[in-house]
PDB file of N, CA and C in Angstrom:
ATOM      1  N   MET A   1      -5.219 -14.032 -57.014  1.00  0.00           N
ATOM      2  CA  MET A   1      -5.320 -13.262 -54.842  1.00  0.00           C
ATOM      3  C   MET A   1      -5.536 -14.738 -54.870  1.00  0.00           C
ATOM      4  N   SER A   2      -4.629 -14.893 -54.025  1.00  0.00           N
ATOM      5  CA  SER A   2      -4.528 -16.001 -52.794  1.00  0.00           C
ATOM      6  C   SER A   2      -5.823 -15.837 -51.486  1.00  0.00           C
ATOM      7  N   ALA A   3      -6.770 -16.935 -51.782  1.00  0.00           N
ATOM      8  CA  ALA A   3      -7.718 -17.032 -50.614  1.00  0.00           C
ATOM      9  C   ALA A   3      -7.596 -16.985 -49.507  1.00  0.00           C
ATOM     10  N   SER A   4      -7.906 -16.335 -48.388  1.00  0.00           N
ATOM     11  CA  SER A   4      -7.580 -15.928 -47.363  1.00  0.00           C
ATOM     12  C   SER A   4      -7.965 -17.535 -46.757  1.00  0.00           C
ATOM     13  N   SER A   5      -7.183 -17.919 -45.675  1.00  0.00           N
ATOM     14  CA  SER A   5      -7.156 -18.306 -44.569  1.00  0.00           C
ATOM     15  C   SER A   5      -8.683 -17.817 -43.487  1.00  0.00           C
ATOM     16  N   PRO A   6      -9.199 -18.873 -43.045  1.00  0.00           N
ATOM     17  CA  PRO A   6     -10.353 -17.847 -41.664  1.00  0.00           C
ATOM     18  C   PRO A   6      -9.407 -17.419 -40.170  1.00  0.00           C
ATOM     19  N   ALA A   7      -9.473 -16.595 -39.830  1.00  0.00           N
ATOM     20  CA  ALA A   7      -7.807 -16.780 -39.090  1.00  0.00           C
ATOM     21  C   ALA A   7      -9.106 -17.756 -37.570  1.00  0.00           C
ATOM     22  N   ALA A   8      -7.114 -18.242 -37.197  1.00  0.00           N
ATOM     23  CA  ALA A   8      -7.573 -19.125 -35.904  1.00  0.00           C
ATOM     24  C   ALA A   8      -7.442 -18.494 -34.803  1.00  0.00           C
ATOM     25  N   LYS A   9      -8.685 -18.287 -34.134  1.00  0.00           N
ATOM     26  CA  LYS A   9      -9.053 -18.132 -32.697  1.00  0.00           C
ATOM     27  C   LYS A   9      -8.146 -18.530 -31.882  1.00  0.00           C
ATOM     28  N   PRO A  10      -7.365 -18.002 -31.307  1.00  0.00           N
ATOM     29  CA  PRO A  10      -7.054 -18.398 -30.182  1.00  0.00           C
ATOM     30  C   PRO A  10      -7.537 -18.974 -28.851  1.00  0.00           C
ATOM     31  N   VAL A  11      -7.708 -20.233 -28.468  1.00  0.00           N
ATOM     32  CA  VAL A  11      -7.787 -20.415 -27.127  1.00  0.00           C
ATOM     33  C   VAL A  11      -7.593 -20.054 -26.330  1.00  0.00           C
ATOM     34  N   PRO A  12      -8.990 -19.691 -25.411  1.00  0.00           N
ATOM     35  CA  PRO A  12      -8.769 -18.886 -24.084  1.00  0.00           C
ATOM     36  C   PRO A  12      -8.209 -19.896 -23.070  1.00  0.00           C
ATOM     37  N   ALA A  13      -7.530 -19.378 -22.448  1.00  0.00           N
ATOM     38  CA  ALA A  13      -6.972 -19.883 -21.303  1.00  0.00           C
ATOM     39  C   ALA A  13      -8.143 -20.125 -20.123  1.00  0.00           C
ATOM     40  N   ALA A  14      -7.826 -20.987 -19.321  1.00  0.00           N
ATOM     41  CA  ALA A  14      -8.821 -21.883 -18.533  1.00  0.00           C
ATOM     42  C   ALA A  14      -8.791 -20.897 -17.305  1.00  0.00           C
ATOM     43  N   ASP A  15      -9.574 -20.286 -16.783  1.00  0.00           N
ATOM     44  CA  ASP A  15      -9.655 -19.671 -16.292  1.00  0.00           C
ATOM     45  C   ASP A  15      -9.896 -20.599 -14.557  1.00  0.00           C
ATOM     46  N   PRO A  16      -8.782 -20.013 -13.705  1.00  0.00           N
ATOM     47  CA  PRO A  16      -8.162 -20.523 -12.139  1.00  0.00           C
ATOM     48  C   PRO A  16      -9.425 -20.664 -10.946  1.00  0.00           C
ATOM     49  N   VAL A  17     -10.303 -19.870 -11.595  1.00  0.00           N
ATOM     50  CA  VAL A  17     -11.393 -20.239 -10.622  1.00  0.00           C
ATOM     51  C   VAL A  17     -12.208 -20.782 -10.412  1.00  0.00           C
ATOM     52  N   VAL A  18     -12.633 -20.648 -12.095  1.00  0.00           N
ATOM     53  CA  VAL A  18     -12.625 -21.861 -13.082  1.00  0.00           C
ATOM     54  C   VAL A  18     -12.948 -23.418 -12.162  1.00  0.00           C
ATOM     55  N   GLU A  19     -10.911 -23.042 -12.474  1.00  0.00           N
ATOM     56  CA  GLU A  19     -10.959 -24.726 -12.615  1.00  0.00           C
ATOM     57  C   GLU A  19     -10.703 -25.474 -10.820  1.00  0.00           C
ATOM     58  N   LYS A  20     -10.547 -23.929 -10.236  1.00  0.00           N
ATOM     59  CA  LYS A  20     -10.679 -24.191  -8.342  1.00  0.00           C
ATOM     60  C   LYS A  20     -11.856 -25.003  -8.122  1.00  0.00           C
ATOM     61  N   LEU A  21     -13.475 -24.187  -8.438  1.00  0.00           N
ATOM     62  CA  LEU A  21     -14.112 -24.909  -8.380  1.00  0.00           C
ATOM     63  C   LEU A  21     -14.184 -25.877  -8.756  1.00  0.00           C
ATOM     64  N   MET A  22     -13.766 -26.236 -10.310  1.00  0.00           N
ATOM     65  CA  MET A  22     -14.411 -27.922 -10.345  1.00  0.00           C
ATOM     66  C   MET A  22     -13.911 -29.093 -10.079  1.00  0.00           C
ATOM     67  N   ASP A  23     -13.296 -28.679  -9.066  1.00  0.00           N
ATOM     68  CA  ASP A  23     -12.491 -29.012  -8.919  1.00  0.00           C
ATOM     69  C   ASP A  23     -12.664 -29.292  -7.076  1.00  0.00           C
ATOM     70  N   GLY A  24     -13.230 -28.577  -6.524  1.00  0.00           N
ATOM     71  CA  GLY A  24     -13.307 -28.717  -5.069  1.00  0.00           C
ATOM     72  C   GLY A  24     -13.218 -27.865  -4.271  1.00  0.00           C
ATOM     73  N   HIS A  25     -11.267 -26.942  -4.433  1.00  0.00           N
ATOM     74  CA  HIS A  25     -10.691 -26.832  -4.046  1.00  0.00           C
ATOM     75  C   HIS A  25     -11.933 -25.761  -2.352  1.00  0.00           C
ATOM     76  N   TYR A  26     -13.118 -25.032  -3.967  1.00  0.00           N
ATOM     77  CA  TYR A  26     -13.035 -24.001  -2.691  1.00  0.00           C
ATOM     78  C   TYR A  26     -14.108 -24.816  -1.817  1.00  0.00           C
ATOM     79  N   ASP A  27     -15.346 -25.903  -1.403  1.00  0.00           N
ATOM     80  CA  ASP A  27     -15.688 -27.013  -1.176  1.00  0.00           C
ATOM     81  C   ASP A  27     -14.298 -27.764  -0.182  1.00  0.00           C
ATOM     82  N   ARG A  28     -13.438 -27.924  -0.328  1.00  0.00           N
ATOM     83  CA  ARG A  28     -12.322 -28.695   0.851  1.00  0.00           C
ATOM     84  C   ARG A  28     -11.989 -27.191   1.812  1.00  0.00           C
ATOM     85  N   GLN A  29     -11.828 -25.392   1.414  1.00  0.00           N
ATOM     86  CA  GLN A  29     -11.390 -24.345   1.784  1.00  0.00           C
ATOM     87  C   GLN A  29     -12.763 -24.218   2.927  1.00  0.00           C
ATOM     88  N   LEU A  30     -13.937 -24.654   2.537  1.00  0.00           N
ATOM     89  CA  LEU A  30     -15.115 -23.747   3.612  1.00  0.00           C
ATOM     90  C   LEU A  30     -15.476 -25.520   4.527  1.00  0.00           C
ATOM     91  N   ALA A  31     -14.727 -25.936   4.294  1.00  0.00           N
ATOM     92  CA  ALA A  31     -14.901 -27.811   5.452  1.00  0.00           C
ATOM     93  C   ALA A  31     -13.348 -27.147   6.321  1.00  0.00           C
ATOM     94  N   ALA A  32     -12.442 -26.674   6.085  1.00  0.00           N
ATOM     95  CA  ALA A  32     -11.973 -26.235   7.022  1.00  0.00           C
ATOM     96  C   ALA A  32     -12.153 -25.198   7.925  1.00  0.00           C
ATOM     97  N   PHE A  33     -12.633 -23.794   6.726  1.00  0.00           N
ATOM     98  CA  PHE A  33     -12.769 -22.216   7.527  1.00  0.00           C
ATOM     99  C   PHE A  33     -14.030 -23.751   8.686  1.00  0.00           C
ATOM    100  N   GLU A  34     -15.263 -23.857   8.368  1.00  0.00           N
ATOM    101  CA  GLU A  34     -16.049 -25.061   9.317  1.00  0.00           C
ATOM    102  C   GLU A  34     -15.760 -25.129  10.349  1.00  0.00           C
ATOM    103  N   ALA A  35     -14.286 -25.999  10.150  1.00  0.00           N
ATOM    104  CA  ALA A  35     -13.728 -26.785  11.876  1.00  0.00           C
ATOM    105  C   ALA A  35     -12.840 -26.163  12.539  1.00  0.00           C
ATOM    106  N   ARG A  36     -12.237 -24.995  11.858  1.00  0.00           N
ATOM    107  CA  ARG A  36     -11.618 -24.278  12.375  1.00  0.00           C
ATOM    108  C   ARG A  36     -12.694 -23.612  12.965  1.00  0.00           C
ATOM    109  N   ILE A  37     -13.891 -22.897  13.079  1.00  0.00           N
ATOM    110  CA  ILE A  37     -14.860 -22.163  13.471  1.00  0.00           C
ATOM    111  C   ILE A  37     -15.555 -23.040  14.325  1.00  0.00           C
ATOM    112  N   GLU A  38     -15.807 -24.429  14.325  1.00  0.00           N
ATOM    113  CA  GLU A  38     -16.384 -25.157  15.734  1.00  0.00           C
ATOM    114  C   GLU A  38     -15.482 -25.378  16.470  1.00  0.00           C
ATOM    115  N   GLU A  39     -13.869 -25.240  16.181  1.00  0.00           N
ATOM    116  CA  GLU A  39     -12.580 -25.922  17.180  1.00  0.00           C
ATOM    117  C   GLU A  39     -13.205 -24.025  18.130  1.00  0.00           C
ATOM    118  N   ALA A  40     -13.137 -22.722  17.353  1.00  0.00           N
ATOM    119  CA  ALA A  40     -12.497 -21.940  18.293  1.00  0.00           C
ATOM    120  C   ALA A  40     -14.021 -21.257  19.246  1.00  0.00           C
ATOM    121  N   ALA A  41     -15.473 -22.090  18.587  1.00  0.00           N
ATOM    122  CA  ALA A  41     -16.236 -21.624  19.386  1.00  0.00           C
ATOM    123  C   ALA A  41     -16.650 -22.961  19.924  1.00  0.00           C
ATOM    124  N   ALA A  42     -15.841 -23.916  20.265  1.00  0.00           N
ATOM    125  CA  ALA A  42     -16.408 -25.218  21.317  1.00  0.00           C
ATOM    126  C   ALA A  42     -15.002 -24.476  22.039  1.00  0.00           C
ATOM    127  N   THR A  43     -13.447 -23.558  22.086  1.00  0.00           N
ATOM    128  CA  THR A  43     -12.738 -23.496  23.210  1.00  0.00           C
ATOM    129  C   THR A  43     -13.614 -21.880  23.252  1.00  0.00           C
ATOM    130  N   LEU A  44     -14.003 -20.154  23.239  1.00  0.00           N
ATOM    131  CA  LEU A  44     -14.911 -20.369  24.334  1.00  0.00           C
ATOM    132  C   LEU A  44     -15.873 -20.853  24.919  1.00  0.00           C
ATOM    133  N   ARG A  45     -16.446 -21.430  23.991  1.00  0.00           N
ATOM    134  CA  ARG A  45     -17.646 -21.677  25.522  1.00  0.00           C
ATOM    135  C   ARG A  45     -16.146 -22.732  26.501  1.00  0.00           C
ATOM    136  N   ARG A  46     -15.509 -23.497  26.902  1.00  0.00           N
ATOM    137  CA  ARG A  46     -14.969 -24.267  27.235  1.00  0.00           C
ATOM    138  C   ARG A  46     -14.769 -22.355  28.211  1.00  0.00           C
ATOM    139  N   ALA A  47     -14.086 -21.255  27.336  1.00  0.00           N
ATOM    140  CA  ALA A  47     -13.920 -20.263  28.004  1.00  0.00           C
ATOM    141  C   ALA A  47     -14.233 -20.090  29.496  1.00  0.00           C
ATOM    142  N   HIS A  48     -16.038 -19.452  28.687  1.00  0.00           N
ATOM    143  CA  HIS A  48     -16.867 -18.888  29.619  1.00  0.00           C
ATOM    144  C   HIS A  48     -17.518 -20.000  31.093  1.00  0.00           C
ATOM    145  N   ALA A  49     -16.561 -20.766  30.367  1.00  0.00           N
ATOM    146  CA  ALA A  49     -17.826 -21.988  31.759  1.00  0.00           C
ATOM    147  C   ALA A  49     -16.352 -21.845  32.717  1.00  0.00           C
ATOM    148  N   ALA A  50     -15.616 -21.785  32.581  1.00  0.00           N
ATOM    149  CA  ALA A  50     -15.095 -21.869  33.455  1.00  0.00           C
ATOM    150  C   ALA A  50     -14.158 -20.196  33.753  1.00  0.00           C
ATOM    151  N   MET A  51     -14.307 -19.644  33.769  1.00  0.00           N
ATOM    152  CA  MET A  51     -15.094 -17.974  33.662  1.00  0.00           C
ATOM    153  C   MET A  51     -16.549 -18.326  35.224  1.00  0.00           C
ATOM    154  N   LYS A  52     -16.778 -18.270  34.266  1.00  0.00           N
ATOM    155  CA  LYS A  52     -18.328 -18.463  35.087  1.00  0.00           C
ATOM    156  C   LYS A  52     -18.147 -19.471  36.614  1.00  0.00           C
ATOM    157  N   ALA A  53     -18.017 -20.174  36.018  1.00  0.00           N
ATOM    158  CA  ALA A  53     -17.026 -21.256  37.201  1.00  0.00           C
ATOM    159  C   ALA A  53     -15.731 -20.473  38.781  1.00  0.00           C
ATOM    160  N   GLU A  54     -15.390 -19.999  37.810  1.00  0.00           N
ATOM    161  CA  GLU A  54     -14.805 -18.470  39.213  1.00  0.00           C
ATOM    162  C   GLU A  54     -15.197 -18.032  40.007  1.00  0.00           C
ATOM    163  N   ASN A  55     -16.238 -16.698  39.192  1.00  0.00           N
ATOM    164  CA  ASN A  55     -16.773 -15.778  39.423  1.00  0.00           C
ATOM    165  C   ASN A  55     -17.894 -16.501  40.421  1.00  0.00           C
ATOM    166  N   THR A  56     -17.927 -17.442  40.703  1.00  0.00           N
ATOM    167  CA  THR A  56     -19.092 -18.109  41.551  1.00  0.00           C
ATOM    168  C   THR A  56     -18.270 -18.630  43.190  1.00  0.00           C
ATOM    169  N   LEU A  57     -19.688 -17.454  44.191  1.00  0.00           N
ATOM    170  CA  LEU A  57     -19.524 -17.683  45.160  1.00  0.00           C
ATOM    171  C   LEU A  57     -20.110 -18.973  45.987  1.00  0.00           C
ATOM    172  N   ARG A  58     -18.733 -19.358  46.613  1.00  0.00           N
ATOM    173  CA  ARG A  58     -18.192 -20.756  46.930  1.00  0.00           C
ATOM    174  C   ARG A  58     -18.543 -20.463  49.228  1.00  0.00           C
ATOM    175  N   SER A  59     -19.510 -21.164  49.444  1.00  0.00           N
ATOM    176  CA  SER A  59     -19.825 -20.797  51.105  1.00  0.00           C
ATOM    177  C   SER A  59     -18.809 -21.732  51.900  1.00  0.00           C
TER     178      SER A  59
END
């Protein structure tokens, strides 16, 4: 009888989510979303101010 060698365990494939987490991908995405939200909020504030000024009665 030959000695059976222990079965080599396959190396698990790296999880792409963990890879993205470790290289800062999600931090960059968050920063981009925050910048976009701030830009949209500023645009809405300007539009609101313009509409408010337009609806002001002038004598």
